Protein backbone atom coordinates (compact mmCIF):
# COMPACT_ATOMS: atom_id res chain seq x y z
CA MET A 1 -2.95 27.27 -14.90
CA PRO A 2 -0.62 29.18 -12.54
CA VAL A 3 2.82 27.57 -12.51
CA ALA A 4 5.99 28.13 -10.56
CA THR A 5 8.05 30.35 -12.87
CA GLN A 6 11.37 29.59 -11.15
CA LEU A 7 10.96 25.86 -10.55
CA GLU A 8 14.21 23.92 -10.23
CA ILE A 9 14.47 20.12 -10.12
CA LEU A 10 17.56 18.83 -8.30
CA ASP A 11 18.95 15.45 -7.22
CA LEU A 12 17.36 14.26 -3.96
CA ARG A 13 20.76 13.11 -2.66
CA HIS A 14 21.89 16.73 -2.40
CA PHE A 15 19.40 17.33 0.43
CA SER A 16 19.45 16.39 4.10
CA ALA A 17 16.63 15.13 6.27
CA ARG A 18 16.60 18.48 8.07
CA GLN A 19 15.92 20.33 4.82
CA LEU A 20 13.08 17.99 3.84
CA ARG A 21 11.47 17.43 7.25
CA PRO A 22 8.91 20.30 6.98
CA LEU A 23 7.71 18.97 3.61
CA LEU A 24 7.38 15.40 4.91
CA GLU A 25 5.58 16.54 8.04
CA SER A 26 3.15 18.43 5.81
CA GLU A 27 2.56 15.24 3.84
CA ALA A 28 1.94 13.28 7.06
CA GLU A 29 -0.86 15.71 7.92
CA VAL A 30 -2.46 15.03 4.53
CA TRP A 31 -2.29 11.26 5.11
CA GLU A 32 -4.12 11.76 8.40
CA GLN A 33 -6.78 14.01 6.92
CA ARG A 34 -7.43 12.03 3.74
CA LEU A 35 -6.86 8.43 4.82
CA ARG A 36 -7.07 8.50 8.67
CA TRP A 37 -3.49 7.26 8.66
CA ASN A 38 -0.75 8.26 11.11
CA TYR A 39 2.13 8.37 8.65
CA ARG A 40 4.74 9.72 11.05
CA GLY A 41 6.48 6.38 11.58
CA SER A 42 7.04 6.11 7.83
CA THR A 43 8.16 9.75 7.76
CA GLU A 44 10.84 9.15 10.38
CA LEU A 45 12.09 6.04 8.57
CA LEU A 46 12.25 7.93 5.28
CA LEU A 47 14.16 10.78 6.91
CA GLN A 48 16.79 8.27 8.08
CA TYR A 49 17.18 7.03 4.51
CA LEU A 50 17.43 10.60 3.23
CA ASP A 51 20.35 11.32 5.52
CA SER A 52 22.12 8.24 4.16
CA ARG A 53 21.99 9.89 0.69
CA ILE A 54 21.18 6.59 -1.05
CA LEU A 55 17.65 7.14 -2.38
CA PRO A 56 17.34 8.00 -6.08
CA GLY A 57 14.94 10.86 -6.64
CA PHE A 58 14.39 14.57 -7.10
CA VAL A 59 13.50 17.70 -5.13
CA ALA A 60 11.58 20.66 -6.51
CA LEU A 61 12.59 24.19 -5.50
CA ASP A 62 10.40 27.23 -6.13
CA ARG A 63 12.52 30.38 -5.86
CA GLY A 64 14.97 28.46 -3.67
CA ARG A 65 12.29 26.98 -1.36
CA VAL A 66 11.77 23.21 -1.12
CA CYS A 67 8.25 22.57 -2.41
CA GLY A 68 8.18 18.93 -3.52
CA PHE A 69 10.02 15.62 -3.76
CA THR A 70 9.83 12.16 -5.27
CA PHE A 71 11.91 9.00 -4.90
CA CYS A 72 12.10 5.38 -5.94
CA VAL A 73 13.65 2.16 -4.67
CA TYR A 74 15.32 -0.57 -6.69
CA GLU A 75 14.45 -4.23 -6.15
CA GLY A 76 16.67 -6.23 -8.49
CA ASN A 77 15.49 -5.51 -12.03
CA LYS A 78 12.41 -3.67 -10.77
CA ALA A 79 11.95 -0.09 -9.58
CA VAL A 80 9.12 1.06 -7.33
CA VAL A 81 8.05 4.69 -7.18
CA GLY A 82 8.02 5.28 -3.44
CA ASP A 83 6.34 8.67 -3.20
CA ALA A 84 5.66 12.02 -4.86
CA TYR A 85 4.39 15.06 -3.00
CA ALA A 86 4.38 18.82 -3.46
CA VAL A 87 2.97 21.93 -1.79
CA ALA A 88 2.08 25.21 -3.48
CA GLY A 89 -0.30 28.14 -3.30
CA ASP A 90 -3.15 26.06 -4.72
CA GLN A 91 -3.87 22.43 -5.54
CA GLU A 92 -3.53 22.91 -9.30
CA GLN A 93 -0.01 24.24 -8.97
CA ALA A 94 0.92 21.50 -6.49
CA LEU A 95 -0.21 18.89 -9.03
CA HIS A 96 1.85 20.63 -11.73
CA ILE A 97 4.96 20.36 -9.53
CA THR A 98 4.17 16.71 -8.75
CA HIS A 99 3.76 15.97 -12.47
CA THR A 100 7.11 17.64 -13.23
CA LEU A 101 8.84 15.60 -10.52
CA LEU A 102 7.32 12.36 -11.80
CA GLN A 103 8.42 13.16 -15.35
CA HIS A 104 12.01 13.47 -14.15
CA LEU A 105 11.82 10.28 -12.09
CA LEU A 106 10.25 8.20 -14.85
CA ASP A 107 12.78 9.52 -17.37
CA LEU A 108 15.54 8.38 -14.99
CA LEU A 109 13.99 4.92 -14.61
CA LEU A 110 13.26 4.45 -18.29
CA HIS A 111 16.93 5.02 -19.01
CA SER A 112 18.29 2.98 -16.09
CA PRO A 113 20.18 -0.11 -17.33
CA GLY A 114 18.86 -3.42 -16.02
CA ILE A 115 15.45 -2.05 -14.94
CA ASN A 116 12.73 -3.82 -16.90
CA ARG A 117 9.72 -3.23 -14.66
CA ILE A 118 8.38 -0.13 -12.87
CA GLU A 119 5.53 -0.13 -10.34
CA ALA A 120 3.77 2.76 -8.61
CA GLN A 121 0.85 3.24 -6.23
CA LEU A 122 0.36 6.80 -5.01
CA LEU A 123 -2.47 6.47 -2.50
CA LEU A 124 -2.85 10.19 -1.77
CA TYR A 125 -3.88 11.08 -5.30
CA ASN A 126 -7.33 10.67 -6.80
CA ALA A 127 -7.51 8.46 -9.87
CA GLY A 128 -6.74 10.56 -12.92
CA SER A 129 -4.95 13.37 -11.08
CA VAL A 130 -1.30 12.32 -11.58
CA ASP A 131 -1.55 9.69 -14.28
CA GLN A 132 -0.47 11.87 -17.21
CA SER A 133 3.25 11.07 -16.88
CA PHE A 134 2.51 7.37 -16.57
CA LYS A 135 0.16 7.27 -19.57
CA GLU A 136 2.66 9.14 -21.73
CA THR A 137 5.31 6.49 -21.04
CA GLY A 138 3.08 3.47 -21.71
CA PHE A 139 2.09 2.35 -18.21
CA THR A 140 -0.95 0.14 -17.64
CA LEU A 141 -3.25 1.68 -15.03
CA TYR A 142 -5.34 -0.32 -12.55
CA PRO A 143 -7.97 1.65 -10.58
CA ARG A 144 -8.02 0.69 -6.89
CA LEU A 145 -10.30 1.54 -3.99
CA PHE A 146 -9.39 2.71 -0.50
CA MET A 147 -12.28 1.48 1.62
CA GLU A 148 -13.20 2.05 5.25
CA TYR A 149 -15.52 0.62 7.85
CA ASP A 150 -16.70 2.46 10.96
CA PHE A 151 -17.61 0.09 13.74
CA ALA A 152 -21.22 -0.68 14.56
CA PRO A 153 -22.52 -3.24 17.07
CA SER A 154 -21.02 -6.60 16.13
CA ALA A 155 -23.15 -9.33 14.61
CA ASP A 156 -23.19 -13.03 15.44
CA LYS A 157 -20.14 -15.05 14.50
CA ASP A 158 -20.14 -17.21 11.37
CA ALA A 159 -19.68 -20.95 11.74
CA LEU A 160 -16.52 -22.58 10.40
CA PRO A 161 -16.32 -26.02 8.79
CA HIS A 162 -15.77 -28.60 11.53
CA ASN A 163 -12.15 -29.28 10.54
CA ILE A 164 -11.10 -25.60 10.27
CA GLU A 165 -9.83 -23.66 13.27
CA ILE A 166 -8.91 -20.02 13.68
CA CYS A 167 -5.63 -19.08 15.40
CA ARG A 168 -3.66 -15.93 16.07
CA TRP A 169 -0.73 -15.08 13.85
CA SER A 170 2.66 -16.41 14.94
CA PRO A 171 6.14 -15.98 13.42
CA ASP A 172 6.04 -19.75 12.94
CA HIS A 173 3.55 -19.10 10.13
CA TYR A 174 5.98 -17.15 7.94
CA GLN A 175 6.84 -19.84 5.40
CA PRO A 176 3.37 -21.42 5.03
CA ALA A 177 1.82 -17.93 4.93
CA ALA A 178 4.09 -16.93 2.05
CA GLU A 179 3.22 -20.17 0.27
CA LEU A 180 -0.48 -19.39 0.74
CA ILE A 181 -0.06 -15.86 -0.64
CA HIS A 182 1.80 -17.16 -3.69
CA GLU A 183 -0.85 -19.82 -4.33
CA ALA A 184 -3.83 -17.51 -3.77
CA TYR A 185 -2.56 -14.84 -6.17
CA THR A 186 -1.52 -17.12 -9.04
CA GLY A 187 -3.41 -15.77 -12.06
CA HIS A 188 -4.96 -13.01 -9.93
CA ILE A 189 -5.18 -9.43 -11.22
CA ASP A 190 -3.15 -8.22 -8.23
CA SER A 191 -0.18 -10.30 -9.43
CA LEU A 192 -0.11 -7.96 -12.45
CA ILE A 193 0.16 -4.98 -10.09
CA ASN A 194 2.69 -6.41 -7.62
CA ASP A 195 5.02 -9.01 -9.10
CA GLN A 196 6.12 -10.13 -5.63
CA TYR A 197 3.04 -12.36 -5.67
CA CYS A 198 4.44 -14.20 -8.69
CA SER A 199 7.08 -16.16 -6.78
CA LEU A 200 7.53 -17.69 -3.36
CA HIS A 201 10.63 -15.58 -2.78
CA GLY A 202 8.69 -12.43 -3.65
CA SER A 203 5.78 -13.44 -1.40
CA LEU A 204 8.21 -13.91 1.50
CA ARG A 205 9.60 -10.45 0.82
CA PHE A 206 6.09 -8.98 0.66
CA LEU A 207 5.23 -10.61 3.99
CA HIS A 208 8.50 -9.44 5.54
CA ASN A 209 7.76 -5.85 4.48
CA ILE A 210 4.31 -5.96 6.06
CA VAL A 211 5.49 -7.42 9.37
CA ARG A 212 8.83 -5.62 9.81
CA PHE A 213 8.41 -2.15 8.29
CA PRO A 214 5.90 0.66 8.98
CA GLY A 215 5.03 1.43 5.35
CA CYS A 216 1.58 -0.14 5.84
CA GLY A 217 1.33 0.77 9.51
CA ILE A 218 2.63 -1.05 12.59
CA PHE A 219 1.96 -4.77 12.27
CA ASP A 220 -0.58 -5.98 14.86
CA ALA A 221 0.05 -9.67 15.53
CA THR A 222 -2.66 -9.76 18.21
CA ASN A 223 -5.34 -8.89 15.65
CA SER A 224 -3.96 -10.97 12.76
CA TRP A 225 -5.43 -14.43 12.21
CA ILE A 226 -4.90 -17.62 10.25
CA LEU A 227 -7.24 -20.49 9.36
CA ARG A 228 -5.77 -23.98 9.71
CA ASP A 229 -6.97 -27.35 8.51
CA THR A 230 -6.80 -29.53 11.66
CA ARG A 231 -6.48 -32.71 9.58
CA THR A 232 -3.34 -31.64 7.71
CA GLY A 233 -2.09 -28.61 9.65
CA ALA A 234 -2.11 -26.59 6.41
CA LEU A 235 -2.90 -22.89 6.36
CA VAL A 236 -6.04 -22.29 4.31
CA GLY A 237 -6.61 -18.60 4.95
CA MET A 238 -5.31 -15.54 6.75
CA VAL A 239 -6.01 -11.92 7.50
CA LEU A 240 -3.19 -9.59 8.56
CA CYS A 241 -3.71 -6.24 10.28
CA SER A 242 -1.65 -3.18 11.04
CA ARG A 243 -2.33 -0.18 13.24
CA VAL A 244 -2.28 3.01 11.15
CA ALA A 245 -3.59 5.34 13.87
CA ASP A 246 -4.40 5.02 17.56
CA ASP A 247 -7.94 3.86 16.75
CA VAL A 248 -7.72 2.80 13.08
CA ALA A 249 -6.61 -0.60 11.76
CA HIS A 250 -5.66 -1.44 8.17
CA ILE A 251 -6.12 -4.85 6.55
CA THR A 252 -2.82 -5.50 4.77
CA GLN A 253 -3.66 -8.99 3.50
CA LEU A 254 -6.70 -11.24 3.21
CA CYS A 255 -6.42 -14.46 1.22
CA ILE A 256 -7.96 -17.93 1.08
CA SER A 257 -6.46 -21.09 -0.41
CA ASN A 258 -7.80 -21.89 -3.87
CA ASN A 259 -8.94 -25.30 -2.60
CA TRP A 260 -11.21 -23.63 -0.04
CA ARG A 261 -12.87 -21.02 -2.22
CA GLY A 262 -16.66 -21.07 -2.09
CA HIS A 263 -16.88 -21.89 1.64
CA HIS A 264 -17.27 -18.22 2.70
CA LEU A 265 -14.04 -18.44 4.71
CA GLY A 266 -12.95 -14.94 3.66
CA ARG A 267 -16.16 -13.49 5.04
CA THR A 268 -15.89 -15.53 8.24
CA LEU A 269 -12.25 -14.60 8.78
CA LEU A 270 -12.83 -10.91 8.16
CA ARG A 271 -15.89 -10.80 10.43
CA HIS A 272 -13.88 -12.47 13.19
CA CYS A 273 -11.09 -9.95 12.73
CA MET A 274 -13.56 -7.04 12.78
CA ALA A 275 -15.14 -8.31 16.01
CA GLN A 276 -11.74 -8.64 17.70
CA LEU A 277 -10.67 -5.16 16.57
CA SER A 278 -13.90 -3.71 17.95
CA GLN A 279 -13.17 -5.30 21.33
CA SER A 280 -9.66 -3.79 21.17
CA ASP A 281 -11.15 -0.25 21.04
CA PHE A 282 -10.53 0.37 17.36
CA LYS A 283 -13.05 2.74 15.82
CA ALA A 284 -12.49 1.99 12.12
CA ILE A 285 -10.83 -0.31 9.61
CA THR A 286 -9.43 0.56 6.19
CA LEU A 287 -8.21 -1.55 3.29
CA THR A 288 -7.33 -1.28 -0.39
CA VAL A 289 -8.71 -3.45 -3.16
CA THR A 290 -8.38 -3.48 -6.94
CA GLU A 291 -11.61 -2.18 -8.45
CA ALA A 292 -11.74 -4.99 -11.04
CA ASN A 293 -11.68 -7.59 -8.23
CA HIS A 294 -15.47 -7.51 -8.18
CA GLN A 295 -15.94 -10.47 -5.84
CA ALA A 296 -13.76 -8.89 -3.14
CA VAL A 297 -15.37 -5.46 -3.54
CA LYS A 298 -18.81 -7.07 -3.23
CA LEU A 299 -17.74 -8.88 -0.03
CA TYR A 300 -16.38 -5.72 1.58
CA GLU A 301 -19.47 -3.72 0.68
CA ALA A 302 -21.71 -6.47 2.08
CA LEU A 303 -19.82 -6.23 5.37
CA GLY A 304 -20.32 -2.47 5.55
CA PHE A 305 -17.14 -1.08 3.96
CA ARG A 306 -17.55 2.03 1.84
CA THR A 307 -15.19 3.60 -0.68
CA ARG A 308 -13.47 6.67 0.75
CA HIS A 309 -11.00 7.25 -2.07
CA ARG A 310 -10.20 5.94 -5.57
CA PHE A 311 -6.59 5.85 -6.73
CA GLU A 312 -4.48 4.00 -9.29
CA ALA A 313 -1.73 1.43 -9.49
CA MET A 314 0.59 1.93 -12.46
CA VAL A 315 2.78 -0.76 -14.02
CA LEU A 316 5.23 -0.74 -16.91
CA ASN A 317 7.10 -3.77 -18.25
CA LYS A 318 9.98 -2.46 -20.38
CA ALA A 319 11.15 -5.81 -21.71
């Protein structure tokens, strides 16, 4: 395997946004090509953080030229690997640089006092392509699917139970929506991947990140929906959407209350959302789902979603 013979790994905080902009703009092009995702909003936000010199991470230099970077963020006693990306003469060498960067980052995190959990999801990379560093340090790997749906003529709407109504998302739904997320993911495999689901506080933080920040696209309140029980006013389901390109939407959350499982509300809610997105001139929808969540994968496939890409979530509990 050809490798960079003069590869240097340096602290990310020694570099300015100006120095890293070409690399990040290259990565944004890859996001668009591979995942149909306009990543430039996230790029600009990351560049602002880079100029603040607060992000822990590393930069790779090949003969003095910036060729890769990685970073993480700390959330209390947890660290999340935010990104890892490299460019080189060929894909094999780029993966070698990425692996080297990840080794340095994981070594930093494994020896960081007070950090007892590390999470990572690197959507750009095929399952098995960058997992070596994670396997070597004892991570548990969860294969996930990036699925997409290209719009076809819409079908008839599904009927809802007589006491369930569908409403557009409103900021008034924040607290009950977080409670629904926490309830729906109790004991769910995804709570092993993202520990924010394990508490109400974490679920509120997860929801805040979706709505306020562009990491999963620009939140689209107009095309996000909740199901409400008219007898009690309780939220029993929701689907949240973001815009990740001019004509592509991404489902950031779909969940149904445990008490309403088996009534096909997830299917009904998603079909309603798909119909509304089609009327809003979207051409496609994407989403991610854990491969072992067979019921959800079966639902998405039945509605016409197809797997575009398979990647991995990696989790390590140190304590």
